[in-house]
């Protein structure tokens, strides 16, 4: 098991908050609703934290588009 240092955890949480807030703006919903929808699909852990090393090197616009598209796709899949 990989143990994160305090700085690593802080960076990942800060990154996730930025992605959630910008995704919410793009979708014209509240940050709370965005958080809840991402959490329901487990995308905070599965996408934002798990893929942090890859995603944090991208632009905020790219990350925002990625998380919105992924959320939309996963929600549509879960409805089937």
Protein backbone atom coordinates (compact mmCIF):
# COMPACT_ATOMS: atom_id res chain seq x y z
CA UNK A 1 0.00 0.00 0.00
CA UNK A 2 1.32 3.41 -1.00
CA UNK A 3 1.27 5.95 1.81
CA UNK A 4 0.79 9.57 0.77
CA UNK A 5 2.55 12.37 2.54
CA UNK A 6 0.59 15.38 3.77
CA UNK A 7 1.75 17.46 0.80
CA UNK A 8 0.68 14.78 -1.69
CA UNK A 9 -2.74 14.50 -0.10
CA UNK A 10 -3.13 18.29 -0.04
CA UNK A 11 -2.20 18.56 -3.74
CA UNK A 12 -4.66 15.86 -4.73
CA UNK A 13 -7.49 17.35 -2.71
CA UNK A 14 -6.76 20.84 -4.06
CA UNK A 15 -6.72 19.44 -7.61
CA UNK A 16 -10.04 17.63 -7.04
CA UNK A 17 -11.68 20.76 -5.63
CA UNK A 18 -10.59 22.80 -8.64
CA UNK A 19 -11.88 20.13 -11.03
CA UNK A 20 -15.20 19.84 -9.19
CA UNK A 21 -15.78 23.59 -9.09
CA UNK A 22 -14.86 24.12 -12.73
CA UNK A 23 -16.94 21.12 -13.79
CA UNK A 24 -19.89 22.55 -11.88
CA UNK A 25 -19.51 25.89 -13.66
CA UNK A 26 -19.37 24.18 -17.04
CA UNK A 27 -22.50 22.17 -16.24
CA UNK A 28 -24.28 25.18 -14.67
CA UNK A 29 -24.85 23.37 -11.38
CA UNK A 30 -23.67 23.96 -7.83
CA UNK A 31 -20.36 22.64 -6.58
CA UNK A 32 -22.27 20.55 -4.05
CA UNK A 33 -24.37 18.90 -6.75
CA UNK A 34 -21.27 18.23 -8.86
CA UNK A 35 -19.49 16.72 -5.86
CA UNK A 36 -22.48 14.52 -5.03
CA UNK A 37 -22.84 13.29 -8.61
CA UNK A 38 -19.11 12.55 -8.90
CA UNK A 39 -19.13 10.79 -5.53
CA UNK A 40 -22.14 8.67 -6.51
CA UNK A 41 -20.22 7.45 -9.58
CA UNK A 42 -17.00 7.09 -7.50
CA UNK A 43 -15.25 9.44 -9.91
CA UNK A 44 -13.48 11.47 -7.26
CA UNK A 45 -11.48 8.41 -6.24
CA UNK A 46 -11.45 6.58 -9.57
CA UNK A 47 -10.68 9.54 -11.82
CA UNK A 48 -9.40 12.56 -9.95
CA UNK A 49 -7.27 10.83 -7.30
CA UNK A 50 -6.28 7.66 -9.16
CA UNK A 51 -5.28 9.54 -12.33
CA UNK A 52 -3.84 12.58 -10.56
CA UNK A 53 -0.30 12.04 -11.86
CA UNK A 54 -1.54 12.11 -15.45
CA UNK A 55 -4.28 14.73 -15.15
CA UNK A 56 -2.53 17.39 -13.08
CA UNK A 57 -0.09 17.98 -15.93
CA UNK A 58 -2.96 19.00 -18.23
CA UNK A 59 -4.71 22.34 -18.50
CA UNK A 60 -7.64 23.07 -16.21
CA UNK A 61 -9.86 23.24 -19.30
CA UNK A 62 -8.77 19.73 -20.33
CA UNK A 63 -9.40 18.35 -16.84
CA UNK A 64 -12.78 20.07 -16.68
CA UNK A 65 -13.84 18.67 -20.05
CA UNK A 66 -12.56 15.22 -19.07
CA UNK A 67 -14.43 15.05 -15.78
CA UNK A 68 -17.68 16.43 -17.26
CA UNK A 69 -17.56 14.00 -20.18
CA UNK A 70 -16.69 11.07 -17.93
CA UNK A 71 -19.46 11.93 -15.46
CA UNK A 72 -22.02 12.22 -18.24
CA UNK A 73 -20.94 8.92 -19.79
CA UNK A 74 -20.89 7.02 -16.47
CA UNK A 75 -24.30 8.38 -15.46
CA UNK A 76 -25.75 7.36 -18.83
CA UNK A 77 -24.23 3.88 -18.48
CA UNK A 78 -25.63 3.45 -14.98
CA UNK A 79 -29.15 4.22 -16.29
CA UNK A 80 -29.05 1.27 -18.69
